[in-house]
Full PDB file with SEQRES, HELIX, SHEET, SSBOND, CRYST1, ORIGX, SCALE, CONECT and MASTER records, all heavy atoms in Angstrom:
SEQRES   1 A   35  SER ARG VAL GLN LYS TYR ALA GLU PHE MET ASN LYS GLU          
SEQRES   2 A   35  LEU GLN LYS ILE PRO GLU TYR LYS ARG ARG THR GLY SER          
SEQRES   3 A   35  LYS ALA PRO MET ARG TRP ALA TYR ILE                          
HELIX    1 AA1 ARG A    2  THR A   24  1                                  23    
HELIX    2 AA2 ALA A   28  TYR A   34  1                                   7    
CRYST1    1.000    1.000    1.000  90.00  90.00  90.00 P 1           1          
ORIGX1      1.000000  0.000000  0.000000        0.00000                         
ORIGX2      0.000000  1.000000  0.000000        0.00000                         
ORIGX3      0.000000  0.000000  1.000000        0.00000                         
SCALE1      1.000000  0.000000  0.000000        0.00000                         
SCALE2      0.000000  1.000000  0.000000        0.00000                         
SCALE3      0.000000  0.000000  1.000000        0.00000                         
ATOM      1  N   SER A   1      84.326 114.073 125.423  1.00  0.00           N  
ATOM      2  CA  SER A   1      85.318 114.829 124.661  1.00  0.00           C  
ATOM      3  C   SER A   1      86.215 113.890 123.857  1.00  0.00           C  
ATOM      4  O   SER A   1      86.640 114.219 122.748  1.00  0.00           O  
ATOM      5  CB  SER A   1      86.151 115.737 125.555  1.00  0.00           C  
ATOM      6  OG  SER A   1      87.021 115.008 126.366  1.00  0.00           O  
ATOM      7  N   ARG A   2      86.470 112.709 124.395  1.00  0.00           N  
ATOM      8  CA  ARG A   2      87.300 111.759 123.659  1.00  0.00           C  
ATOM      9  C   ARG A   2      86.597 111.276 122.393  1.00  0.00           C  
ATOM     10  O   ARG A   2      87.201 111.206 121.328  1.00  0.00           O  
ATOM     11  CB  ARG A   2      87.662 110.578 124.558  1.00  0.00           C  
ATOM     12  CG  ARG A   2      88.780 109.756 123.959  1.00  0.00           C  
ATOM     13  CD  ARG A   2      89.306 108.744 124.898  1.00  0.00           C  
ATOM     14  NE  ARG A   2      90.231 109.328 125.848  1.00  0.00           N  
ATOM     15  CZ  ARG A   2      91.029 108.633 126.624  1.00  0.00           C  
ATOM     16  NH1 ARG A   2      91.007 107.318 126.563  1.00  0.00           N  
ATOM     17  NH2 ARG A   2      91.844 109.217 127.453  1.00  0.00           N  
ATOM     18  N   VAL A   3      85.306 110.965 122.493  1.00  0.00           N  
ATOM     19  CA  VAL A   3      84.559 110.537 121.301  1.00  0.00           C  
ATOM     20  C   VAL A   3      84.496 111.673 120.293  1.00  0.00           C  
ATOM     21  O   VAL A   3      84.607 111.449 119.086  1.00  0.00           O  
ATOM     22  CB  VAL A   3      83.148 110.010 121.673  1.00  0.00           C  
ATOM     23  CG1 VAL A   3      82.225 109.972 120.464  1.00  0.00           C  
ATOM     24  CG2 VAL A   3      83.260 108.617 122.273  1.00  0.00           C  
ATOM     25  N   GLN A   4      84.343 112.891 120.762  1.00  0.00           N  
ATOM     26  CA  GLN A   4      84.331 114.053 119.865  1.00  0.00           C  
ATOM     27  C   GLN A   4      85.648 114.131 119.092  1.00  0.00           C  
ATOM     28  O   GLN A   4      85.650 114.312 117.871  1.00  0.00           O  
ATOM     29  CB  GLN A   4      84.114 115.339 120.675  1.00  0.00           C  
ATOM     30  CG  GLN A   4      84.146 116.607 119.852  1.00  0.00           C  
ATOM     31  CD  GLN A   4      82.915 116.781 118.986  1.00  0.00           C  
ATOM     32  OE1 GLN A   4      81.810 116.479 119.410  1.00  0.00           O  
ATOM     33  NE2 GLN A   4      83.097 117.254 117.773  1.00  0.00           N  
ATOM     34  N   LYS A   5      86.775 113.972 119.777  1.00  0.00           N  
ATOM     35  CA  LYS A   5      88.086 114.013 119.118  1.00  0.00           C  
ATOM     36  C   LYS A   5      88.254 112.863 118.145  1.00  0.00           C  
ATOM     37  O   LYS A   5      88.760 113.040 117.029  1.00  0.00           O  
ATOM     38  CB  LYS A   5      89.212 113.992 120.148  1.00  0.00           C  
ATOM     39  CG  LYS A   5      89.345 115.275 120.911  1.00  0.00           C  
ATOM     40  CD  LYS A   5      90.421 115.178 121.971  1.00  0.00           C  
ATOM     41  CE  LYS A   5      90.436 116.428 122.820  1.00  0.00           C  
ATOM     42  NZ  LYS A   5      91.324 116.336 123.961  1.00  0.00           N  
ATOM     43  N   TYR A   6      87.841 111.669 118.558  1.00  0.00           N  
ATOM     44  CA  TYR A   6      87.933 110.508 117.662  1.00  0.00           C  
ATOM     45  C   TYR A   6      87.109 110.741 116.397  1.00  0.00           C  
ATOM     46  O   TYR A   6      87.543 110.426 115.294  1.00  0.00           O  
ATOM     47  CB  TYR A   6      87.404 109.249 118.347  1.00  0.00           C  
ATOM     48  CG  TYR A   6      88.190 108.714 119.504  1.00  0.00           C  
ATOM     49  CD1 TYR A   6      87.596 107.815 120.387  1.00  0.00           C  
ATOM     50  CD2 TYR A   6      89.510 109.072 119.757  1.00  0.00           C  
ATOM     51  CE1 TYR A   6      88.294 107.290 121.474  1.00  0.00           C  
ATOM     52  CE2 TYR A   6      90.203 108.561 120.834  1.00  0.00           C  
ATOM     53  CZ  TYR A   6      89.592 107.669 121.691  1.00  0.00           C  
ATOM     54  OH  TYR A   6      90.268 107.156 122.759  1.00  0.00           O  
ATOM     55  N   ALA A   7      85.895 111.295 116.569  1.00  0.00           N  
ATOM     56  CA  ALA A   7      85.009 111.531 115.424  1.00  0.00           C  
ATOM     57  C   ALA A   7      85.591 112.585 114.489  1.00  0.00           C  
ATOM     58  O   ALA A   7      85.520 112.439 113.263  1.00  0.00           O  
ATOM     59  CB  ALA A   7      83.620 111.943 115.902  1.00  0.00           C  
ATOM     60  N   GLU A   8      86.156 113.641 115.044  1.00  0.00           N  
ATOM     61  CA  GLU A   8      86.773 114.673 114.202  1.00  0.00           C  
ATOM     62  C   GLU A   8      87.895 114.072 113.363  1.00  0.00           C  
ATOM     63  O   GLU A   8      87.997 114.341 112.161  1.00  0.00           O  
ATOM     64  CB  GLU A   8      87.307 115.818 115.066  1.00  0.00           C  
ATOM     65  CG  GLU A   8      86.219 116.677 115.668  1.00  0.00           C  
ATOM     66  CD  GLU A   8      86.734 117.655 116.713  1.00  0.00           C  
ATOM     67  OE1 GLU A   8      87.966 117.742 116.941  1.00  0.00           O  
ATOM     68  OE2 GLU A   8      85.881 118.340 117.325  1.00  0.00           O  
ATOM     69  N   PHE A   9      88.737 113.260 113.996  1.00  0.00           N  
ATOM     70  CA  PHE A   9      89.820 112.598 113.270  1.00  0.00           C  
ATOM     71  C   PHE A   9      89.252 111.675 112.189  1.00  0.00           C  
ATOM     72  O   PHE A   9      89.700 111.691 111.039  1.00  0.00           O  
ATOM     73  CB  PHE A   9      90.703 111.806 114.242  1.00  0.00           C  
ATOM     74  CG  PHE A   9      91.777 111.029 113.558  1.00  0.00           C  
ATOM     75  CD1 PHE A   9      92.949 111.661 113.149  1.00  0.00           C  
ATOM     76  CD2 PHE A   9      91.631 109.674 113.321  1.00  0.00           C  
ATOM     77  CE1 PHE A   9      93.946 110.951 112.500  1.00  0.00           C  
ATOM     78  CE2 PHE A   9      92.621 108.947 112.678  1.00  0.00           C  
ATOM     79  CZ  PHE A   9      93.780 109.589 112.267  1.00  0.00           C  
ATOM     80  N   MET A  10      88.275 110.878 112.556  1.00  0.00           N  
ATOM     81  CA  MET A  10      87.660 109.931 111.618  1.00  0.00           C  
ATOM     82  C   MET A  10      87.061 110.651 110.426  1.00  0.00           C  
ATOM     83  O   MET A  10      87.281 110.249 109.277  1.00  0.00           O  
ATOM     84  CB  MET A  10      86.583 109.151 112.363  1.00  0.00           C  
ATOM     85  CG  MET A  10      85.791 108.242 111.493  1.00  0.00           C  
ATOM     86  SD  MET A  10      86.536 106.646 111.400  1.00  0.00           S  
ATOM     87  CE  MET A  10      85.061 105.687 111.261  1.00  0.00           C  
ATOM     88  N   ASN A  11      86.306 111.706 110.665  1.00  0.00           N  
ATOM     89  CA  ASN A  11      85.687 112.454 109.568  1.00  0.00           C  
ATOM     90  C   ASN A  11      86.755 113.015 108.621  1.00  0.00           C  
ATOM     91  O   ASN A  11      86.606 112.940 107.399  1.00  0.00           O  
ATOM     92  CB  ASN A  11      84.806 113.579 110.110  1.00  0.00           C  
ATOM     93  CG  ASN A  11      83.529 113.054 110.721  1.00  0.00           C  
ATOM     94  OD1 ASN A  11      82.982 112.039 110.301  1.00  0.00           O  
ATOM     95  ND2 ASN A  11      83.049 113.740 111.741  1.00  0.00           N  
ATOM     96  N   LYS A  12      87.810 113.548 109.192  1.00  0.00           N  
ATOM     97  CA  LYS A  12      88.896 114.114 108.380  1.00  0.00           C  
ATOM     98  C   LYS A  12      89.565 113.022 107.541  1.00  0.00           C  
ATOM     99  O   LYS A  12      89.799 113.198 106.344  1.00  0.00           O  
ATOM    100  CB  LYS A  12      89.913 114.795 109.294  1.00  0.00           C  
ATOM    101  CG  LYS A  12      91.023 115.523 108.555  1.00  0.00           C  
ATOM    102  CD  LYS A  12      91.930 116.238 109.538  1.00  0.00           C  
ATOM    103  CE  LYS A  12      92.991 115.247 109.944  1.00  0.00           C  
ATOM    104  NZ  LYS A  12      94.014 115.738 110.837  1.00  0.00           N  
ATOM    105  N   GLU A  13      89.863 111.897 108.157  1.00  0.00           N  
ATOM    106  CA  GLU A  13      90.566 110.831 107.452  1.00  0.00           C  
ATOM    107  C   GLU A  13      89.689 110.160 106.401  1.00  0.00           C  
ATOM    108  O   GLU A  13      90.178 109.805 105.323  1.00  0.00           O  
ATOM    109  CB  GLU A  13      91.097 109.793 108.443  1.00  0.00           C  
ATOM    110  CG  GLU A  13      92.188 110.333 109.336  1.00  0.00           C  
ATOM    111  CD  GLU A  13      93.374 110.911 108.557  1.00  0.00           C  
ATOM    112  OE1 GLU A  13      93.906 110.231 107.665  1.00  0.00           O  
ATOM    113  OE2 GLU A  13      93.773 112.058 108.858  1.00  0.00           O  
ATOM    114  N   LEU A  14      88.403 109.995 106.682  1.00  0.00           N  
ATOM    115  CA  LEU A  14      87.518 109.378 105.687  1.00  0.00           C  
ATOM    116  C   LEU A  14      87.397 110.250 104.436  1.00  0.00           C  
ATOM    117  O   LEU A  14      87.213 109.722 103.340  1.00  0.00           O  
ATOM    118  CB  LEU A  14      86.139 109.092 106.284  1.00  0.00           C  
ATOM    119  CG  LEU A  14      86.071 107.948 107.286  1.00  0.00           C  
ATOM    120  CD1 LEU A  14      84.645 107.780 107.801  1.00  0.00           C  
ATOM    121  CD2 LEU A  14      86.592 106.641 106.720  1.00  0.00           C  
ATOM    122  N   GLN A  15      87.519 111.552 104.605  1.00  0.00           N  
ATOM    123  CA  GLN A  15      87.481 112.445 103.445  1.00  0.00           C  
ATOM    124  C   GLN A  15      88.690 112.255 102.542  1.00  0.00           C  
ATOM    125  O   GLN A  15      88.630 112.522 101.346  1.00  0.00           O  
ATOM    126  CB  GLN A  15      87.399 113.902 103.888  1.00  0.00           C  
ATOM    127  CG  GLN A  15      86.063 114.282 104.465  1.00  0.00           C  
ATOM    128  CD  GLN A  15      86.049 115.716 104.967  1.00  0.00           C  
ATOM    129  OE1 GLN A  15      87.058 116.418 104.951  1.00  0.00           O  
ATOM    130  NE2 GLN A  15      84.895 116.165 105.430  1.00  0.00           N  
ATOM    131  N   LYS A  16      89.796 111.802 103.095  1.00  0.00           N  
ATOM    132  CA  LYS A  16      91.022 111.607 102.323  1.00  0.00           C  
ATOM    133  C   LYS A  16      91.033 110.303 101.533  1.00  0.00           C  
ATOM    134  O   LYS A  16      91.885 110.125 100.673  1.00  0.00           O  
ATOM    135  CB  LYS A  16      92.235 111.599 103.256  1.00  0.00           C  
ATOM    136  CG  LYS A  16      92.505 112.901 103.949  1.00  0.00           C  
ATOM    137  CD  LYS A  16      93.701 112.737 104.863  1.00  0.00           C  
ATOM    138  CE  LYS A  16      93.990 113.966 105.680  1.00  0.00           C  
ATOM    139  NZ  LYS A  16      95.118 113.740 106.598  1.00  0.00           N  
ATOM    140  N   ILE A  17      90.121 109.410 101.804  1.00  0.00           N  
ATOM    141  CA  ILE A  17      90.177 108.088 101.190  1.00  0.00           C  
ATOM    142  C   ILE A  17      90.103 108.119  99.660  1.00  0.00           C  
ATOM    143  O   ILE A  17      90.825 107.356  99.025  1.00  0.00           O  
ATOM    144  CB  ILE A  17      89.135 107.149 101.818  1.00  0.00           C  
ATOM    145  CG1 ILE A  17      89.639 106.789 103.213  1.00  0.00           C  
ATOM    146  CG2 ILE A  17      88.905 105.909 100.982  1.00  0.00           C  
ATOM    147  CD1 ILE A  17      88.792 105.850 103.988  1.00  0.00           C  
ATOM    148  N   PRO A  18      89.313 108.976  99.020  1.00  0.00           N  
ATOM    149  CA  PRO A  18      89.372 108.996  97.553  1.00  0.00           C  
ATOM    150  C   PRO A  18      90.786 109.278  97.025  1.00  0.00           C  
ATOM    151  O   PRO A  18      91.207 108.708  96.018  1.00  0.00           O  
ATOM    152  CB  PRO A  18      88.399 110.114  97.173  1.00  0.00           C  
ATOM    153  CG  PRO A  18      87.421 110.142  98.305  1.00  0.00           C  
ATOM    154  CD  PRO A  18      88.256 109.821  99.535  1.00  0.00           C  
ATOM    155  N   GLU A  19      91.529 110.125  97.725  1.00  0.00           N  
ATOM    156  CA  GLU A  19      92.922 110.401  97.344  1.00  0.00           C  
ATOM    157  C   GLU A  19      93.758 109.123  97.461  1.00  0.00           C  
ATOM    158  O   GLU A  19      94.558 108.803  96.597  1.00  0.00           O  
ATOM    159  CB  GLU A  19      93.487 111.493  98.260  1.00  0.00           C  
ATOM    160  CG  GLU A  19      94.967 111.722  98.126  1.00  0.00           C  
ATOM    161  CD  GLU A  19      95.483 112.653  99.214  1.00  0.00           C  
ATOM    162  OE1 GLU A  19      94.734 113.536  99.668  1.00  0.00           O  
ATOM    163  OE2 GLU A  19      96.650 112.474  99.598  1.00  0.00           O  
ATOM    164  N   TYR A  20      93.564 108.379  98.536  1.00  0.00           N  
ATOM    165  CA  TYR A  20      94.294 107.118  98.710  1.00  0.00           C  
ATOM    166  C   TYR A  20      93.918 106.126  97.619  1.00  0.00           C  
ATOM    167  O   TYR A  20      94.754 105.382  97.131  1.00  0.00           O  
ATOM    168  CB  TYR A  20      93.992 106.499 100.080  1.00  0.00           C  
ATOM    169  CG  TYR A  20      94.454 107.316 101.249  1.00  0.00           C  
ATOM    170  CD1 TYR A  20      93.613 107.543 102.331  1.00  0.00           C  
ATOM    171  CD2 TYR A  20      95.732 107.858 101.303  1.00  0.00           C  
ATOM    172  CE1 TYR A  20      94.027 108.284 103.426  1.00  0.00           C  
ATOM    173  CE2 TYR A  20      96.152 108.610 102.393  1.00  0.00           C  
ATOM    174  CZ  TYR A  20      95.299 108.817 103.447  1.00  0.00           C  
ATOM    175  OH  TYR A  20      95.704 109.548 104.522  1.00  0.00           O  
ATOM    176  N   LYS A  21      92.648 106.103  97.242  1.00  0.00           N  
ATOM    177  CA  LYS A  21      92.195 105.163  96.214  1.00  0.00           C  
ATOM    178  C   LYS A  21      92.900 105.455  94.896  1.00  0.00           C  
ATOM    179  O   LYS A  21      93.317 104.538  94.189  1.00  0.00           O  
ATOM    180  CB  LYS A  21      90.682 105.240  96.034  1.00  0.00           C  
ATOM    181  CG  LYS A  21      90.175 104.229  95.033  1.00  0.00           C  
ATOM    182  CD  LYS A  21      88.680 104.268  94.894  1.00  0.00           C  
ATOM    183  CE  LYS A  21      88.248 103.222  93.887  1.00  0.00           C  
ATOM    184  NZ  LYS A  21      86.834 103.241  93.649  1.00  0.00           N  
ATOM    185  N   ARG A  22      93.039 106.736  94.558  1.00  0.00           N  
ATOM    186  CA  ARG A  22      93.731 107.086  93.305  1.00  0.00           C  
ATOM    187  C   ARG A  22      95.178 106.608  93.333  1.00  0.00           C  
ATOM    188  O   ARG A  22      95.717 106.155  92.338  1.00  0.00           O  
ATOM    189  CB  ARG A  22      93.685 108.598  93.085  1.00  0.00           C  
ATOM    190  CG  ARG A  22      92.359 109.098  92.560  1.00  0.00           C  
ATOM    191  CD  ARG A  22      92.455 110.533  92.060  1.00  0.00           C  
ATOM    192  NE  ARG A  22      92.888 111.477  93.079  1.00  0.00           N  
ATOM    193  CZ  ARG A  22      92.083 112.056  93.976  1.00  0.00           C  
ATOM    194  NH1 ARG A  22      90.806 111.774  93.986  1.00  0.00           N  
ATOM    195  NH2 ARG A  22      92.556 112.906  94.850  1.00  0.00           N  
ATOM    196  N   ARG A  23      95.806 106.705  94.507  1.00  0.00           N  
ATOM    197  CA  ARG A  23      97.210 106.313  94.606  1.00  0.00           C  
ATOM    198  C   ARG A  23      97.409 104.805  94.709  1.00  0.00           C  
ATOM    199  O   ARG A  23      98.374 104.274  94.190  1.00  0.00           O  
ATOM    200  CB  ARG A  23      97.875 106.984  95.812  1.00  0.00           C  
ATOM    201  CG  ARG A  23      98.139 108.459  95.572  1.00  0.00           C  
ATOM    202  CD  ARG A  23      98.984 109.033  96.661  1.00  0.00           C  
ATOM    203  NE  ARG A  23      98.223 109.030  97.910  1.00  0.00           N  
ATOM    204  CZ  ARG A  23      98.733 109.226  99.098  1.00  0.00           C  
ATOM    205  NH1 ARG A  23     100.016 109.407  99.242  1.00  0.00           N  
ATOM    206  NH2 ARG A  23      97.985 109.229 100.168  1.00  0.00           N  
ATOM    207  N   THR A  24      96.506 104.124  95.411  1.00  0.00           N  
ATOM    208  CA  THR A  24      96.732 102.705  95.694  1.00  0.00           C  
ATOM    209  C   THR A  24      95.802 101.772  94.933  1.00  0.00           C  
ATOM    210  O   THR A  24      96.063 100.578  94.860  1.00  0.00           O  
ATOM    211  CB  THR A  24      96.543 102.417  97.198  1.00  0.00           C  
ATOM    212  OG1 THR A  24      95.178 102.651  97.544  1.00  0.00           O  
ATOM    213  CG2 THR A  24      97.474 103.263  98.039  1.00  0.00           C  
ATOM    214  N   GLY A  25      94.711 102.305  94.423  1.00  0.00           N  
ATOM    215  CA  GLY A  25      93.749 101.475  93.714  1.00  0.00           C  
ATOM    216  C   GLY A  25      92.693 100.855  94.608  1.00  0.00           C  
ATOM    217  O   GLY A  25      91.767 100.226  94.129  1.00  0.00           O  
ATOM    218  N   SER A  26      92.815 101.008  95.917  1.00  0.00           N  
ATOM    219  CA  SER A  26      91.836 100.416  96.830  1.00  0.00           C  
ATOM    220  C   SER A  26      91.635 101.321  98.036  1.00  0.00           C  
ATOM    221  O   SER A  26      92.579 101.880  98.565  1.00  0.00           O  
ATOM    222  CB  SER A  26      92.312  99.050  97.310  1.00  0.00           C  
ATOM    223  OG  SER A  26      91.418  98.551  98.276  1.00  0.00           O  
ATOM    224  N   LYS A  27      90.395 101.420  98.434  1.00  0.00           N  
ATOM    225  CA  LYS A  27      90.104 102.190  99.637  1.00  0.00           C  
ATOM    226  C   LYS A  27      89.505 101.326 100.734  1.00  0.00           C  
ATOM    227  O   LYS A  27      89.481 101.713 101.883  1.00  0.00           O  
ATOM    228  CB  LYS A  27      89.161 103.346  99.332  1.00  0.00           C  
ATOM    229  CG  LYS A  27      87.761 102.932  98.942  1.00  0.00           C  
ATOM    230  CD  LYS A  27      86.881 104.127  98.719  1.00  0.00           C  
ATOM    231  CE  LYS A  27      85.470 103.667  98.375  1.00  0.00           C  
ATOM    232  NZ  LYS A  27      84.555 104.745  98.198  1.00  0.00           N  
ATOM    233  N   ALA A  28      89.053 100.146 100.405  1.00  0.00           N  
ATOM    234  CA  ALA A  28      88.324  99.321 101.357  1.00  0.00           C  
ATOM    235  C   ALA A  28      89.127  98.974 102.612  1.00  0.00           C  
ATOM    236  O   ALA A  28      88.614  99.143 103.718  1.00  0.00           O  
ATOM    237  CB  ALA A  28      87.808  98.058 100.679  1.00  0.00           C  
ATOM    238  N   PRO A  29      90.360  98.480 102.514  1.00  0.00           N  
ATOM    239  CA  PRO A  29      91.069  98.126 103.758  1.00  0.00           C  
ATOM    240  C   PRO A  29      91.288  99.324 104.678  1.00  0.00           C  
ATOM    241  O   PRO A  29      91.151  99.201 105.892  1.00  0.00           O  
ATOM    242  CB  PRO A  29      92.405  97.562 103.265  1.00  0.00           C  
ATOM    243  CG  PRO A  29      92.136  97.113 101.880  1.00  0.00           C  
ATOM    244  CD  PRO A  29      91.107  98.079 101.348  1.00  0.00           C  
ATOM    245  N   MET A  30      91.594 100.460 104.110  1.00  0.00           N  
ATOM    246  CA  MET A  30      91.834 101.639 104.926  1.00  0.00           C  
ATOM    247  C   MET A  30      90.544 102.084 105.606  1.00  0.00           C  
ATOM    248  O   MET A  30      90.530 102.376 106.801  1.00  0.00           O  
ATOM    249  CB  MET A  30      92.417 102.770 104.086  1.00  0.00           C  
ATOM    250  CG  MET A  30      92.767 103.996 104.886  1.00  0.00           C  
ATOM    251  SD  MET A  30      93.645 105.190 103.903  1.00  0.00           S  
ATOM    252  CE  MET A  30      95.231 104.393 103.816  1.00  0.00           C  
ATOM    253  N   ARG A  31      89.478 102.120 104.859  1.00  0.00           N  
ATOM    254  CA  ARG A  31      88.181 102.519 105.414  1.00  0.00           C  
ATOM    255  C   ARG A  31      87.776 101.555 106.530  1.00  0.00           C  
ATOM    256  O   ARG A  31      87.341 101.972 107.592  1.00  0.00           O  
ATOM    257  CB  ARG A  31      87.121 102.558 104.316  1.00  0.00           C  
ATOM    258  CG  ARG A  31      85.768 102.984 104.819  1.00  0.00           C  
ATOM    259  CD  ARG A  31      84.750 103.035 103.677  1.00  0.00           C  
ATOM    260  NE  ARG A  31      83.472 103.439 104.164  1.00  0.00           N  
ATOM    261  CZ  ARG A  31      83.107 104.671 104.467  1.00  0.00           C  
ATOM    262  NH1 ARG A  31      83.959 105.657 104.300  1.00  0.00           N  
ATOM    263  NH2 ARG A  31      81.920 104.946 104.935  1.00  0.00           N  
ATOM    264  N   TRP A  32      87.927 100.260 106.277  1.00  0.00           N  
ATOM    265  CA  TRP A  32      87.569  99.266 107.271  1.00  0.00           C  
ATOM    266  C   TRP A  32      88.397  99.476 108.543  1.00  0.00           C  
ATOM    267  O   TRP A  32      87.881  99.364 109.651  1.00  0.00           O  
ATOM    268  CB  TRP A  32      87.783  97.852 106.715  1.00  0.00           C  
ATOM    269  CG  TRP A  32      87.413  96.815 107.720  1.00  0.00           C  
ATOM    270  CD1 TRP A  32      86.181  96.272 107.922  1.00  0.00           C  
ATOM    271  CD2 TRP A  32      88.282  96.232 108.696  1.00  0.00           C  
ATOM    272  NE1 TRP A  32      86.233  95.379 108.976  1.00  0.00           N  
ATOM    273  CE2 TRP A  32      87.514  95.336 109.466  1.00  0.00           C  
ATOM    274  CE3 TRP A  32      89.625  96.376 109.001  1.00  0.00           C  
ATOM    275  CZ2 TRP A  32      88.049  94.590 110.516  1.00  0.00           C  
ATOM    276  CZ3 TRP A  32      90.160  95.636 110.049  1.00  0.00           C  
ATOM    277  CH2 TRP A  32      89.376  94.751 110.787  1.00  0.00           C  
ATOM    278  N   ALA A  33      89.676  99.763 108.395  1.00  0.00           N  
ATOM    279  CA  ALA A  33      90.547  99.966 109.562  1.00  0.00           C  
ATOM    280  C   ALA A  33      90.082 101.169 110.381  1.00  0.00           C  
ATOM    281  O   ALA A  33      90.038 101.099 111.621  1.00  0.00           O  
ATOM    282  CB  ALA A  33      91.993 100.145 109.121  1.00  0.00           C  
ATOM    283  N   TYR A  34      89.748 102.261 109.720  1.00  0.00           N  
ATOM    284  CA  TYR A  34      89.260 103.437 110.447  1.00  0.00           C  
ATOM    285  C   TYR A  34      87.965 103.111 111.202  1.00  0.00           C  
ATOM    286  O   TYR A  34      87.797 103.480 112.363  1.00  0.00           O  
ATOM    287  CB  TYR A  34      89.036 104.619 109.510  1.00  0.00           C  
ATOM    288  CG  TYR A  34      90.299 105.335 109.108  1.00  0.00           C  
ATOM    289  CD1 TYR A  34      90.620 105.516 107.777  1.00  0.00           C  
ATOM    290  CD2 TYR A  34      91.178 105.829 110.064  1.00  0.00           C  
ATOM    291  CE1 TYR A  34      91.791 106.168 107.409  1.00  0.00           C  
ATOM    292  CE2 TYR A  34      92.345 106.478 109.710  1.00  0.00           C  
ATOM    293  CZ  TYR A  34      92.641 106.648 108.375  1.00  0.00           C  
ATOM    294  OH  TYR A  34      93.793 107.293 108.013  1.00  0.00           O  
ATOM    295  N   ILE A  35      87.041 102.434 110.532  1.00  0.00           N  
ATOM    296  CA  ILE A  35      85.767 102.070 111.155  1.00  0.00           C  
ATOM    297  C   ILE A  35      86.019 101.168 112.365  1.00  0.00           C  
ATOM    298  O   ILE A  35      85.458 101.373 113.450  1.00  0.00           O  
ATOM    299  CB  ILE A  35      84.844 101.358 110.148  1.00  0.00           C  
ATOM    300  CG1 ILE A  35      84.472 102.278 108.975  1.00  0.00           C  
ATOM    301  CG2 ILE A  35      83.599 100.783 110.828  1.00  0.00           C  
ATOM    302  CD1 ILE A  35      83.534 103.394 109.290  1.00  0.00           C  
TER     303      ILE A  35                                                      
MASTER        0    0    0    2    0    0    0    6  302    1    0    3          
END                                                                             
């Protein structure tokens, strides 16, 4: 159940990364941190 919760959070946050890229110009550090 813990991995399921972690994965749900990860999937949700990875979907937001294009929005972060538009605001910050980079998505790589954030994506790497989530991974």
